[in-house]
Amino acid sequence: MKRRINKKELKTIFSEWKWILAYIKRYKRTIFVYIVFGLMASVLSVAGTVASKFLIDAVMTKNHTVLFRSAMSLGALLVSQILFQALSSRITAVLSTRVGNELRNEMFARVMRAEWEKIGSYHSGELLNRLEGDVSTVASGVISFIPSAFSKGLTFLLSFGVVLYYDSVMAFLALLSAPFFVLSSRFLVKTIRRFNKEAREMNGKVLSFSEESLRNLQIIKSFDLISQYIVLFRELTEKYRSVRLKFEKFNILMTMVLSLLGIVVSYACYGWAVYRLWQGLISVGTMTLFLQISGTLTSSFSSLASLAPQMVSISTSAGRIMEITRFETETDADRRKAQALLARSDAGVTVNVDALDFTYADSDNPVLRNVSVKIRPGERLAVVGRSGNGKTTFLKILLGLLRPSGGSVSLEVGGKRLSVSDSTRRFFSYVPQESSLFSGTAAENLRIVAPDAPDEELMYALRLACMEDFIKAQPEGLNFKVGENGDNLSRGQLQRFLIARAILRSAPIMLLDEATSALDSQTEAQVLANIIRDDPLKIVILTTHRSSVLAHCTRICRITSEGRLIPYEEPTGKSE
């Protein structure tokens, strides 16, 4: 069983690195230059060590000619080494920011385009953790891991070659720690991977809790939960600290073992070099070379061994990113068809729902069953029902955020139909239940849906939503600063602002999800009348628990507890 687990983990790491290599190929030319600089730095480092041997021997023998040449050679090598290291650092800085930004942009785009039901199962704090922490780790790995492996590997080979050339016994002594790394490699990889994954997951939980607490700070204060949340946050951070300390304890133990091995190897090499010097078999310069090169050999081998934890850390982060990028993405495949139909929608759009079934992926209980309804231009359809019966789910299906489990949903213009998808969202404007404002000015929030709209159009949309007077009363006017989630607006003002944004969208179908629940009856009636008057052919589909809204609808349907859509009562109004 243990052997199978190891094989599975190795296979997982291989697939993660295969994914990383696809990014490395994008920057192969720059990385190649980086590798060359790293290799040159390694060659110069070992060459400098050898040059110091000749310099010391020249000093001991008072050979002025060799002394001068050796000193000049050593100086040139040191200056060249510094130069190559500086160039490598510069390339690293330039490339790391570039790769980090491009990878972060790509991952952000993948998350934004992922199917709603799949990506919606992740907490926003956890997604941020992956977009920031994991992307940074992978970006660093893309840049530095392979060049480091090449340069450290070459340093090891050159050092070993020099030692082997002068003394084979010294070469053997310098590699005394090698069996330990080979025998413990599987255990190290498995343990480091587990700790990395646990630490990343706990960090995601801390970020999620922080983000959620700050977003709901008003509620926490209102219910006097501040002390409770401070305690909960402290407990969560203590769990994260516990995971980190376990990892650090493991690292400390490993460092101790490596240090002890390093001391044993260093003193063995030192003793052998002293013994050879005492016997008169080597010069002082050669002994110095042995001590320096054996230290370089040992450290380069340890550096190569340390690449294993780095490789595991990078692959773990890559796996976490891959998890959220494997979801099917929205491609706007029917964009041209949707744009063509929208251009001919002046006479209105018809919504056709035929035998619609829907069940969430993590549930066995259908939310909607055999729902069929035809909604014609100018209709105002109210969808009522108890909370949790599927009203909001129905709207999300219309928006193409959720895919039907069965049946079909399509839009019809001039006898031509197009199935609802991410491409047909351009037919809709939407006012959700929850706040969906962004930090910025009133104008900036409105222009999200119409970037080129002049101020006159913004004010017109605000007038229809009965929000114009509020904006005019502000000293800044349209530059009025909207707080995070609209916290500086009342619930009624917030809803009217969101309705104004939906009006500015100028879409043939408007979806209102409990969008007037905070308005008084008079304002509610005025807003709905303004929407209808502005575009008599606009379809308005709204969900509500308020009976006052029903008087403004041409048709009312109810979603039952079994997920069926049935007539609620006779129409209470006429299409205008």
Protein backbone atom coordinates (compact mmCIF):
# COMPACT_ATOMS: atom_id res chain seq x y z
CA MET A 1 0.00 0.00 0.00
CA LYS A 2 2.77 2.39 0.94
CA ARG A 3 4.50 1.71 -2.34
CA ARG A 4 1.33 2.57 -4.28
CA ILE A 5 0.96 5.85 -2.40
CA ASN A 6 4.53 6.81 -3.26
CA LYS A 7 4.00 6.00 -6.91
CA LYS A 8 0.80 8.04 -6.95
CA GLU A 9 2.51 11.02 -5.34
CA LEU A 10 5.43 10.82 -7.76
CA LYS A 11 2.97 10.65 -10.66
CA THR A 12 1.15 13.71 -9.30
CA ILE A 13 4.40 15.66 -8.94
CA PHE A 14 5.36 14.67 -12.49
CA SER A 15 2.04 15.95 -13.90
CA GLU A 16 2.38 19.19 -11.94
CA TRP A 17 5.87 19.78 -13.25
CA LYS A 18 4.71 18.98 -16.74
CA TRP A 19 2.22 21.83 -16.33
CA ILE A 20 4.97 24.13 -15.03
CA LEU A 21 7.25 23.26 -17.95
CA ALA A 22 4.62 24.64 -20.33
CA TYR A 23 5.23 28.05 -18.77
CA ILE A 24 8.99 27.58 -18.74
CA LYS A 25 8.89 27.06 -22.52
CA ARG A 26 7.34 30.52 -22.94
CA TYR A 27 10.44 32.14 -21.51
CA LYS A 28 13.00 29.62 -22.74
CA ARG A 29 15.27 32.20 -24.40
CA THR A 30 15.52 34.42 -21.33
CA ILE A 31 15.86 31.42 -19.05
CA PHE A 32 18.58 30.06 -21.34
CA VAL A 33 20.52 33.32 -20.93
CA TYR A 34 19.94 33.08 -17.18
CA ILE A 35 21.27 29.50 -17.23
CA VAL A 36 24.37 30.57 -19.19
CA PHE A 37 25.11 33.33 -16.66
CA GLY A 38 24.62 30.85 -13.82
CA LEU A 39 26.94 28.32 -15.47
CA MET A 40 29.57 30.99 -16.07
CA ALA A 41 29.35 32.05 -12.43
CA SER A 42 29.88 28.40 -11.40
CA VAL A 43 32.90 28.02 -13.71
CA LEU A 44 34.41 31.27 -12.46
CA SER A 45 33.84 30.27 -8.83
CA VAL A 46 35.67 26.94 -9.22
CA ALA A 47 38.34 28.56 -11.40
CA GLY A 48 38.89 31.18 -8.70
CA THR A 49 39.44 28.44 -6.15
CA VAL A 50 42.03 26.76 -8.37
CA ALA A 51 43.70 30.14 -9.07
CA SER A 52 44.02 30.76 -5.32
CA LYS A 53 45.98 27.49 -5.05
CA PHE A 54 48.58 28.73 -7.52
CA LEU A 55 48.68 32.11 -5.81
CA ILE A 56 49.44 30.58 -2.40
CA ASP A 57 52.07 28.25 -3.86
CA ALA A 58 53.69 31.24 -5.60
CA VAL A 59 53.78 33.10 -2.28
CA MET A 60 55.33 30.09 -0.52
CA THR A 61 57.97 29.65 -3.25
CA LYS A 62 58.45 33.43 -3.74
CA ASN A 63 57.96 33.05 -7.50
CA HIS A 64 57.17 36.66 -8.40
CA THR A 65 56.20 35.97 -11.99
CA VAL A 66 53.67 33.26 -11.07
CA LEU A 67 52.53 35.37 -8.12
CA PHE A 68 51.72 38.34 -10.37
CA ARG A 69 49.95 36.20 -12.98
CA SER A 70 47.97 34.31 -10.35
CA ALA A 71 46.96 37.51 -8.58
CA MET A 72 45.82 39.09 -11.85
CA SER A 73 43.96 35.94 -12.88
CA LEU A 74 42.26 35.64 -9.49
CA GLY A 75 41.25 39.33 -9.54
CA ALA A 76 39.83 39.01 -13.06
CA LEU A 77 37.92 35.90 -12.09
CA LEU A 78 36.46 37.54 -8.99
CA VAL A 79 35.41 40.67 -10.90
CA SER A 80 33.86 38.53 -13.66
CA GLN A 81 32.05 36.43 -11.07
CA ILE A 82 30.60 39.56 -9.43
CA LEU A 83 29.56 40.87 -12.85
CA PHE A 84 27.79 37.65 -13.83
CA GLN A 85 26.06 37.46 -10.45
CA ALA A 86 24.86 41.06 -10.86
CA LEU A 87 23.53 40.33 -14.35
CA SER A 88 21.82 37.18 -13.06
CA SER A 89 20.18 39.17 -10.27
CA ARG A 90 18.94 41.75 -12.76
CA ILE A 91 17.54 39.10 -15.09
CA THR A 92 15.86 37.42 -12.13
CA ALA A 93 14.22 40.66 -11.03
CA VAL A 94 12.97 41.52 -14.53
CA LEU A 95 11.81 38.03 -15.36
CA SER A 96 10.21 37.29 -11.98
CA THR A 97 7.96 40.36 -12.12
CA ARG A 98 7.05 39.61 -15.71
CA VAL A 99 6.30 35.93 -15.17
CA GLY A 100 4.51 36.64 -11.89
CA ASN A 101 2.25 39.24 -13.49
CA GLU A 102 1.52 37.18 -16.59
CA LEU A 103 0.81 34.04 -14.59
CA ARG A 104 -1.36 35.98 -12.13
CA ASN A 105 -3.26 37.65 -15.00
CA GLU A 106 -3.81 34.33 -16.71
CA MET A 107 -4.97 32.60 -13.54
CA PHE A 108 -7.30 35.50 -12.74
CA ALA A 109 -8.78 35.26 -16.23
CA ARG A 110 -9.24 31.50 -15.85
CA VAL A 111 -10.99 31.96 -12.51
CA MET A 112 -13.23 34.68 -13.93
CA ARG A 113 -14.16 32.54 -16.94
CA ALA A 114 -14.66 29.31 -15.02
CA GLU A 115 -18.17 27.93 -14.83
CA TRP A 116 -20.03 29.59 -11.99
CA GLU A 117 -21.23 26.46 -10.21
CA LYS A 118 -17.70 25.02 -10.06
CA ILE A 119 -15.72 28.09 -9.06
CA GLY A 120 -18.50 29.24 -6.74
CA SER A 121 -17.75 26.31 -4.44
CA TYR A 122 -14.44 27.97 -3.44
CA HIS A 123 -14.33 30.71 -0.85
CA SER A 124 -13.08 34.02 -2.21
CA GLY A 125 -10.34 34.09 0.45
CA GLU A 126 -9.06 30.71 -0.70
CA LEU A 127 -9.08 31.85 -4.32
CA LEU A 128 -7.08 34.93 -3.33
CA ASN A 129 -4.63 32.69 -1.49
CA ARG A 130 -4.05 30.67 -4.64
CA LEU A 131 -3.88 33.71 -6.91
CA GLU A 132 -1.30 35.38 -4.70
CA GLY A 133 0.70 32.89 -2.60
CA ASP A 134 0.65 29.90 -4.94
CA VAL A 135 1.17 31.95 -8.09
CA SER A 136 4.18 33.70 -6.50
CA THR A 137 5.69 30.32 -5.58
CA VAL A 138 5.19 28.92 -9.08
CA ALA A 139 6.46 32.10 -10.76
CA SER A 140 9.62 31.90 -8.68
CA GLY A 141 9.98 28.25 -9.60
CA VAL A 142 9.53 28.91 -13.32
CA ILE A 143 12.39 31.39 -13.21
CA SER A 144 14.90 30.05 -10.75
CA PHE A 145 14.47 26.31 -10.30
CA ILE A 146 15.93 24.96 -13.55
CA PRO A 147 18.73 27.58 -13.80
CA SER A 148 19.62 26.83 -10.16
CA ALA A 149 19.65 23.10 -10.87
CA PHE A 150 22.01 23.64 -13.82
CA SER A 151 24.40 26.00 -12.02
CA LYS A 152 24.51 23.99 -8.79
CA GLY A 153 24.88 20.78 -10.75
CA LEU A 154 27.79 22.20 -12.75
CA THR A 155 29.43 23.54 -9.58
CA PHE A 156 29.20 20.08 -8.09
CA LEU A 157 30.62 18.36 -11.19
CA LEU A 158 33.49 20.82 -11.58
CA SER A 159 34.35 20.67 -7.88
CA PHE A 160 34.22 16.89 -7.90
CA GLY A 161 36.39 16.79 -11.03
CA VAL A 162 39.03 19.05 -9.46
CA VAL A 163 39.10 17.04 -6.22
CA LEU A 164 39.18 13.76 -8.12
CA TYR A 165 42.06 15.06 -10.24
CA TYR A 166 44.19 15.89 -7.19
CA ASP A 167 43.04 13.19 -4.76
CA SER A 168 40.43 10.43 -5.23
CA VAL A 169 40.23 9.75 -1.48
CA MET A 170 39.29 13.38 -0.84
CA ALA A 171 36.53 13.07 -3.45
CA PHE A 172 35.15 10.03 -1.64
CA LEU A 173 35.22 11.80 1.74
CA ALA A 174 33.42 14.85 0.31
CA LEU A 175 30.49 12.65 -0.72
CA LEU A 176 29.95 10.90 2.62
CA SER A 177 26.52 12.55 3.01
CA ALA A 178 25.27 11.34 -0.39
CA PRO A 179 23.83 7.97 0.79
CA PHE A 180 21.72 9.75 3.42
CA PHE A 181 20.06 11.96 0.80
CA VAL A 182 19.42 9.08 -1.57
CA LEU A 183 17.91 6.81 1.09
CA SER A 184 15.75 9.53 2.67
CA SER A 185 14.54 11.18 -0.56
CA ARG A 186 11.11 9.51 -0.65
CA PHE A 187 10.41 10.27 2.98
CA LEU A 188 11.53 13.87 2.54
CA VAL A 189 9.39 14.44 -0.55
CA LYS A 190 6.28 12.95 1.06
CA THR A 191 6.70 14.83 4.35
CA ILE A 192 7.51 18.18 2.78
CA ARG A 193 4.57 17.88 0.38
CA ARG A 194 2.18 17.11 3.24
CA PHE A 195 3.39 20.04 5.34
CA ASN A 196 3.27 22.42 2.38
CA LYS A 197 -0.28 21.43 1.53
CA GLU A 198 -1.47 21.73 5.14
CA ALA A 199 0.18 25.14 5.53
CA ARG A 200 -1.35 26.43 2.29
CA GLU A 201 -4.81 25.19 3.23
CA MET A 202 -4.64 26.71 6.70
CA ASN A 203 -3.42 30.01 5.26
CA GLY A 204 -6.41 29.95 2.92
CA LYS A 205 -8.75 29.46 5.87
CA VAL A 206 -7.21 32.40 7.72
CA LEU A 207 -7.58 34.62 4.63
CA SER A 208 -11.17 33.45 4.07
CA PHE A 209 -12.14 34.14 7.68
CA SER A 210 -10.46 37.57 7.59
CA GLU A 211 -12.10 38.58 4.32
CA GLU A 212 -15.54 37.39 5.45
CA SER A 213 -15.26 39.05 8.86
CA LEU A 214 -14.25 42.42 7.40
CA ARG A 215 -17.01 42.25 4.81
CA ASN A 216 -19.58 41.59 7.55
CA LEU A 217 -18.08 43.89 10.17
CA GLN A 218 -21.33 45.82 10.54
CA ILE A 219 -23.24 42.63 11.42
CA ILE A 220 -20.51 41.52 13.82
CA LYS A 221 -20.68 44.85 15.62
CA SER A 222 -24.49 44.95 15.56
CA PHE A 223 -24.79 41.57 17.29
CA ASP A 224 -21.94 42.39 19.69
CA LEU A 225 -19.82 39.54 18.32
CA ILE A 226 -16.51 41.37 18.25
CA SER A 227 -14.92 39.46 21.15
CA GLN A 228 -16.22 36.17 19.79
CA TYR A 229 -14.73 36.78 16.35
CA ILE A 230 -11.43 37.92 17.81
CA VAL A 231 -11.28 34.62 19.72
CA LEU A 232 -12.22 32.63 16.60
CA PHE A 233 -9.55 34.39 14.57
CA ARG A 234 -6.97 33.76 17.29
CA GLU A 235 -7.89 30.04 17.35
CA LEU A 236 -7.59 29.85 13.57
CA THR A 237 -4.21 31.57 13.53
CA GLU A 238 -3.04 29.27 16.33
CA LYS A 239 -3.92 26.26 14.16
CA TYR A 240 -1.98 27.82 11.31
CA ARG A 241 0.90 28.50 13.71
CA SER A 242 0.78 24.87 14.86
CA VAL A 243 1.09 23.62 11.28
CA ARG A 244 3.95 26.03 10.59
CA LEU A 245 5.75 25.04 13.80
CA LYS A 246 5.48 21.36 12.89
CA PHE A 247 7.02 22.15 9.55
CA GLU A 248 9.72 24.29 11.17
CA LYS A 249 10.45 21.53 13.68
CA PHE A 250 10.93 19.13 10.80
CA ASN A 251 13.18 21.66 9.04
CA ILE A 252 15.23 22.20 12.20
CA LEU A 253 15.74 18.46 12.66
CA MET A 254 16.72 18.09 9.03
CA THR A 255 19.10 21.07 9.30
CA MET A 256 20.69 19.57 12.41
CA VAL A 257 21.24 16.26 10.66
CA LEU A 258 22.66 17.99 7.59
CA SER A 259 24.87 20.20 9.73
CA LEU A 260 26.24 17.20 11.61
CA LEU A 261 26.90 15.43 8.34
CA GLY A 262 28.54 18.60 7.01
CA ILE A 263 30.78 18.84 10.08
CA VAL A 264 31.77 15.17 9.78
CA VAL A 265 32.55 15.58 6.08
CA SER A 266 34.43 18.86 6.59
CA TYR A 267 36.61 17.51 9.39
CA ALA A 268 37.25 14.30 7.49
CA CYS A 269 38.43 16.35 4.51
CA TYR A 270 40.40 18.68 6.77
CA GLY A 271 42.08 15.77 8.56
CA TRP A 272 42.97 14.08 5.30
CA ALA A 273 44.41 17.32 3.90
CA VAL A 274 46.50 17.91 7.06
CA TYR A 275 47.72 14.31 6.92
CA ARG A 276 48.76 14.69 3.28
CA LEU A 277 50.50 17.99 4.03
CA TRP A 278 52.30 16.46 7.05
CA GLN A 279 53.55 13.68 4.80
CA GLY A 280 54.85 16.29 2.37
CA LEU A 281 52.75 14.95 -0.46
CA ILE A 282 50.94 18.21 -1.12
CA SER A 283 51.78 21.90 -0.97
CA VAL A 284 50.12 24.51 1.25
CA GLY A 285 48.34 25.81 -1.83
CA THR A 286 47.01 22.36 -2.63
CA MET A 287 45.81 21.93 0.96
CA THR A 288 44.00 25.26 0.73
CA LEU A 289 42.50 24.11 -2.55
CA PHE A 290 41.34 20.87 -0.90
CA LEU A 291 39.70 22.70 1.98
CA GLN A 292 37.96 25.21 -0.27
CA ILE A 293 36.94 22.79 -2.98
CA SER A 294 35.73 20.13 -0.54
CA GLY A 295 33.58 22.76 1.15
CA THR A 296 32.27 23.82 -2.25
CA LEU A 297 31.64 20.20 -3.19
CA THR A 298 29.78 19.46 0.03
CA SER A 299 27.75 22.66 -0.11
CA SER A 300 26.90 22.20 -3.81
CA PHE A 301 25.73 18.66 -3.13
CA SER A 302 23.63 19.92 -0.21
CA SER A 303 22.26 22.65 -2.48
CA LEU A 304 21.28 20.06 -5.05
CA ALA A 305 19.60 18.05 -2.31
CA SER A 306 17.77 21.18 -1.10
CA LEU A 307 16.21 21.50 -4.56
CA ALA A 308 13.99 18.54 -3.67
CA PRO A 309 11.99 20.47 -1.00
CA GLN A 310 11.84 23.45 -3.34
CA MET A 311 10.61 21.24 -6.15
CA VAL A 312 7.91 19.78 -3.90
CA SER A 313 6.83 23.22 -2.70
CA ILE A 314 6.57 24.52 -6.26
CA SER A 315 4.68 21.45 -7.47
CA THR A 316 2.28 21.64 -4.51
CA SER A 317 1.43 25.23 -5.39
CA ALA A 318 1.13 24.27 -9.06
CA GLY A 319 -1.31 21.51 -8.11
CA ARG A 320 -3.46 23.97 -6.18
CA ILE A 321 -3.53 26.32 -9.16
CA MET A 322 -4.24 23.48 -11.58
CA GLU A 323 -7.22 22.48 -9.43
CA ILE A 324 -9.03 25.73 -10.17
CA THR A 325 -7.93 25.97 -13.82
CA ARG A 326 -9.15 22.53 -14.84
CA PHE A 327 -12.76 23.63 -14.73
CA GLU A 328 -14.52 24.17 -18.01
CA THR A 329 -14.35 27.81 -19.01
CA GLU A 330 -16.87 30.07 -20.66
CA THR A 331 -15.79 30.74 -24.22
CA ASP A 332 -18.54 33.06 -25.54
CA ALA A 333 -18.81 30.58 -28.41
CA ASP A 334 -22.13 32.00 -29.68
CA ARG A 335 -21.00 35.62 -29.53
CA ARG A 336 -21.66 36.39 -33.20
CA LYS A 337 -25.07 34.74 -33.20
CA ALA A 338 -26.04 36.54 -30.01
CA GLN A 339 -24.87 39.91 -31.35
CA ALA A 340 -26.78 39.37 -34.60
CA LEU A 341 -30.00 38.52 -32.75
CA LEU A 342 -29.56 41.41 -30.33
CA ALA A 343 -29.18 43.81 -33.24
CA ARG A 344 -32.63 42.71 -34.50
CA SER A 345 -34.36 42.73 -31.10
CA ASP A 346 -36.17 46.05 -31.51
CA ALA A 347 -39.47 44.16 -31.72
CA GLY A 348 -38.69 42.35 -28.49
CA VAL A 349 -37.31 39.02 -27.34
CA THR A 350 -39.19 35.88 -26.34
CA VAL A 351 -37.91 33.58 -23.60
CA ASN A 352 -38.67 29.88 -24.08
CA VAL A 353 -38.25 27.47 -21.18
CA ASP A 354 -39.04 23.87 -22.13
CA ALA A 355 -39.15 20.97 -19.64
CA LEU A 356 -36.34 22.51 -17.58
CA ASP A 357 -34.76 20.36 -14.86
CA PHE A 358 -31.93 21.42 -12.60
CA THR A 359 -29.99 19.70 -9.81
CA TYR A 360 -26.87 21.10 -8.15
CA ALA A 361 -23.75 18.99 -8.57
CA ASP A 362 -23.35 18.45 -4.82
CA SER A 363 -26.96 17.38 -4.30
CA ASP A 364 -29.26 14.57 -5.34
CA ASN A 365 -32.46 16.58 -4.90
CA PRO A 366 -33.70 18.46 -7.97
CA VAL A 367 -34.30 22.18 -7.43
CA LEU A 368 -36.41 22.59 -10.58
CA ARG A 369 -38.54 19.90 -12.25
CA ASN A 370 -40.11 19.98 -15.71
CA VAL A 371 -40.42 23.78 -15.77
CA SER A 372 -41.97 25.15 -18.95
CA VAL A 373 -42.92 28.76 -19.61
CA LYS A 374 -43.01 31.14 -22.57
CA ILE A 375 -42.38 34.81 -21.79
CA ARG A 376 -43.26 37.26 -24.55
CA PRO A 377 -42.05 40.82 -25.18
CA GLY A 378 -43.52 43.33 -22.73
CA GLU A 379 -44.50 40.77 -20.12
CA ARG A 380 -43.78 41.29 -16.44
CA LEU A 381 -43.51 37.88 -14.87
CA ALA A 382 -43.44 37.53 -11.10
CA VAL A 383 -41.94 34.31 -9.75
CA VAL A 384 -43.00 33.67 -6.17
CA GLY A 385 -42.46 30.84 -3.74
CA ARG A 386 -40.90 30.03 -0.42
CA SER A 387 -37.25 30.76 0.24
CA GLY A 388 -35.06 27.97 -1.11
CA ASN A 389 -37.58 26.77 -3.69
CA GLY A 390 -35.37 27.81 -6.60
CA LYS A 391 -36.37 31.36 -7.60
CA THR A 392 -32.80 32.71 -7.69
CA THR A 393 -31.61 29.47 -9.30
CA PHE A 394 -34.14 30.03 -12.09
CA LEU A 395 -32.71 33.50 -12.75
CA LYS A 396 -29.15 32.18 -12.74
CA ILE A 397 -30.10 29.60 -15.36
CA LEU A 398 -31.53 32.38 -17.53
CA LEU A 399 -28.23 34.23 -17.13
CA GLY A 400 -26.26 31.17 -18.23
CA LEU A 401 -24.52 30.95 -14.86
CA LEU A 402 -25.92 27.47 -14.33
CA ARG A 403 -26.49 24.76 -16.93
CA PRO A 404 -29.83 22.93 -17.02
CA SER A 405 -29.70 19.28 -16.02
CA GLY A 406 -32.44 18.61 -18.52
CA GLY A 407 -34.69 20.44 -20.95
CA SER A 408 -33.77 23.69 -22.64
CA VAL A 409 -33.86 27.45 -22.26
CA SER A 410 -33.62 29.67 -25.33
CA LEU A 411 -34.15 33.21 -26.54
CA GLU A 412 -36.17 33.86 -29.71
CA VAL A 413 -35.94 36.84 -32.02
CA GLY A 414 -37.82 36.94 -35.32
CA GLY A 415 -38.40 33.19 -35.30
CA LYS A 416 -34.74 32.36 -34.68
CA ARG A 417 -33.76 30.72 -31.42
CA LEU A 418 -30.49 30.68 -29.51
CA SER A 419 -29.90 28.51 -26.47
CA VAL A 420 -29.12 30.42 -23.30
CA SER A 421 -25.39 30.47 -22.50
CA ASP A 422 -22.68 32.88 -21.46
CA SER A 423 -23.06 34.47 -24.91
CA THR A 424 -26.70 35.44 -24.32
CA ARG A 425 -25.98 37.44 -21.16
CA ARG A 426 -25.81 40.54 -23.34
CA PHE A 427 -29.62 40.27 -23.57
CA PHE A 428 -30.02 40.73 -19.82
CA SER A 429 -29.70 43.34 -17.13
CA TYR A 430 -29.68 42.01 -13.58
CA VAL A 431 -30.31 43.31 -10.08
CA PRO A 432 -29.25 40.71 -7.49
CA GLN A 433 -30.43 40.40 -3.91
CA GLU A 434 -27.06 41.18 -2.40
CA SER A 435 -25.01 44.36 -2.71
CA SER A 436 -22.88 44.38 -5.84
CA LEU A 437 -21.37 47.85 -5.83
CA PHE A 438 -17.66 48.51 -6.13
CA SER A 439 -15.53 51.04 -4.33
CA GLY A 440 -15.44 54.20 -6.43
CA THR A 441 -17.71 57.02 -7.54
CA ALA A 442 -21.37 56.75 -8.49
CA ALA A 443 -20.45 57.42 -12.11
CA GLU A 444 -17.78 54.70 -12.12
CA ASN A 445 -20.22 52.16 -10.71
CA LEU A 446 -22.84 53.01 -13.34
CA ARG A 447 -20.39 53.04 -16.24
CA ILE A 448 -19.33 49.47 -15.47
CA VAL A 449 -22.20 48.40 -17.77
CA ALA A 450 -21.89 51.33 -20.21
CA PRO A 451 -18.31 52.69 -20.29
CA ASP A 452 -19.06 55.39 -22.91
CA ALA A 453 -22.35 56.63 -21.47
CA PRO A 454 -22.41 60.45 -21.04
CA ASP A 455 -23.49 62.05 -17.78
CA GLU A 456 -26.94 62.77 -19.24
CA GLU A 457 -27.62 59.06 -19.70
CA LEU A 458 -26.43 58.32 -16.18
CA MET A 459 -28.78 60.92 -14.75
CA TYR A 460 -31.65 59.60 -16.87
CA ALA A 461 -31.16 56.07 -15.50
CA LEU A 462 -30.99 57.49 -11.97
CA ARG A 463 -34.22 59.44 -12.62
CA LEU A 464 -36.07 56.29 -13.70
CA ALA A 465 -34.81 54.54 -10.57
CA CYS A 466 -35.96 57.48 -8.38
CA MET A 467 -32.35 58.11 -7.35
CA GLU A 468 -31.71 61.36 -9.22
CA ASP A 469 -32.65 63.64 -6.32
CA PHE A 470 -30.23 61.88 -3.99
CA ILE A 471 -27.30 62.31 -6.39
CA LYS A 472 -28.16 65.95 -7.08
CA ALA A 473 -28.22 66.58 -3.32
CA GLN A 474 -24.62 65.41 -2.99
CA PRO A 475 -21.94 68.11 -3.31
CA GLU A 476 -19.91 65.78 -5.57
CA GLY A 477 -22.87 64.84 -7.76
CA LEU A 478 -21.98 61.84 -9.91
CA ASN A 479 -18.55 61.84 -8.28
CA PHE A 480 -20.15 60.89 -4.98
CA LYS A 481 -17.95 58.21 -3.38
CA VAL A 482 -19.69 54.90 -2.92
CA GLY A 483 -18.38 52.97 0.10
CA GLU A 484 -17.36 49.32 0.01
CA ASN A 485 -20.48 47.26 -0.78
CA GLY A 486 -22.46 50.53 -0.67
CA ASP A 487 -22.13 50.79 3.10
CA ASN A 488 -22.76 54.55 3.02
CA LEU A 489 -26.14 54.03 1.34
CA SER A 490 -29.39 52.91 2.89
CA ARG A 491 -30.80 49.61 1.73
CA GLY A 492 -33.45 51.40 -0.33
CA GLN A 493 -30.88 53.76 -1.89
CA LEU A 494 -28.65 50.80 -2.67
CA GLN A 495 -31.47 48.95 -4.45
CA ARG A 496 -32.43 52.02 -6.49
CA PHE A 497 -28.80 52.53 -7.46
CA LEU A 498 -28.54 48.92 -8.64
CA ILE A 499 -31.78 49.31 -10.60
CA ALA A 500 -30.36 52.46 -12.25
CA ARG A 501 -27.31 50.48 -13.32
CA ALA A 502 -29.56 47.78 -14.79
CA ILE A 503 -31.60 50.41 -16.66
CA LEU A 504 -28.42 51.93 -18.10
CA ARG A 505 -27.57 48.50 -19.52
CA SER A 506 -30.49 48.93 -21.99
CA ALA A 507 -31.02 45.19 -22.32
CA PRO A 508 -34.32 43.73 -23.62
CA ILE A 509 -34.74 41.52 -20.54
CA MET A 510 -34.43 42.71 -16.93
CA LEU A 511 -34.12 40.32 -14.00
CA LEU A 512 -34.98 41.66 -10.54
CA ASP A 513 -34.18 39.32 -7.66
CA GLU A 514 -36.01 40.75 -4.64
CA ALA A 515 -34.76 44.06 -6.01
CA THR A 516 -37.48 46.30 -4.51
CA SER A 517 -37.82 44.67 -1.09
CA ALA A 518 -36.45 47.74 0.74
CA LEU A 519 -38.54 50.32 -1.15
CA ASP A 520 -41.78 51.75 0.12
CA SER A 521 -44.87 50.85 -1.93
CA GLN A 522 -45.12 54.26 -3.62
CA THR A 523 -41.45 54.34 -4.71
CA GLU A 524 -41.64 50.71 -5.77
CA ALA A 525 -44.66 51.41 -7.95
CA GLN A 526 -43.01 54.48 -9.47
CA VAL A 527 -39.78 52.65 -10.30
CA LEU A 528 -41.59 49.73 -11.95
CA ALA A 529 -43.85 52.11 -13.89
CA ASN A 530 -40.80 54.05 -15.10
CA ILE A 531 -39.10 50.84 -16.31
CA ILE A 532 -42.22 49.79 -18.22
CA ARG A 533 -42.78 53.24 -19.70
CA ASP A 534 -39.13 53.53 -20.78
CA ASP A 535 -39.32 50.34 -22.86
CA PRO A 536 -42.79 48.77 -23.23
CA LEU A 537 -41.31 45.71 -24.97
CA LYS A 538 -38.82 44.98 -22.19
CA ILE A 539 -39.41 41.69 -20.41
CA VAL A 540 -39.23 42.06 -16.65
CA ILE A 541 -38.83 38.87 -14.62
CA LEU A 542 -38.81 39.41 -10.90
CA THR A 543 -38.77 37.29 -7.80
CA THR A 544 -40.52 38.63 -4.75
CA HIS A 545 -42.22 37.91 -1.46
CA ARG A 546 -44.14 41.21 -1.51
CA SER A 547 -47.75 41.18 -2.64
CA SER A 548 -47.52 44.87 -3.57
CA VAL A 549 -45.25 44.00 -6.51
CA LEU A 550 -47.73 41.55 -7.98
CA ALA A 551 -50.16 44.31 -8.97
CA HIS A 552 -47.61 45.53 -11.53
CA CYS A 553 -47.14 42.12 -13.21
CA THR A 554 -48.96 40.64 -16.18
CA ARG A 555 -48.41 37.11 -14.98
CA ILE A 556 -47.58 35.39 -11.70
CA CYS A 557 -46.10 31.93 -11.33
CA ARG A 558 -45.17 30.01 -8.22
CA ILE A 559 -42.33 27.58 -7.72
CA THR A 560 -43.55 24.78 -5.52
CA SER A 561 -41.52 22.93 -2.90
CA GLU A 562 -41.17 20.15 -5.51
CA GLY A 563 -39.53 22.58 -7.96
CA ARG A 564 -42.45 22.92 -10.37
CA LEU A 565 -43.54 26.23 -11.89
CA ILE A 566 -47.32 26.63 -11.80
CA PRO A 567 -49.74 29.56 -12.31
CA TYR A 568 -50.31 31.42 -9.07
CA GLU A 569 -53.42 33.41 -10.00
CA GLU A 570 -54.96 35.26 -12.90
CA PRO A 571 -52.94 38.13 -14.39
CA THR A 572 -53.39 41.35 -12.41
CA GLY A 573 -52.28 43.79 -15.09
CA LYS A 574 -52.01 44.24 -18.81
CA SER A 575 -49.02 44.41 -21.03
CA GLU A 576 -48.23 47.90 -22.15
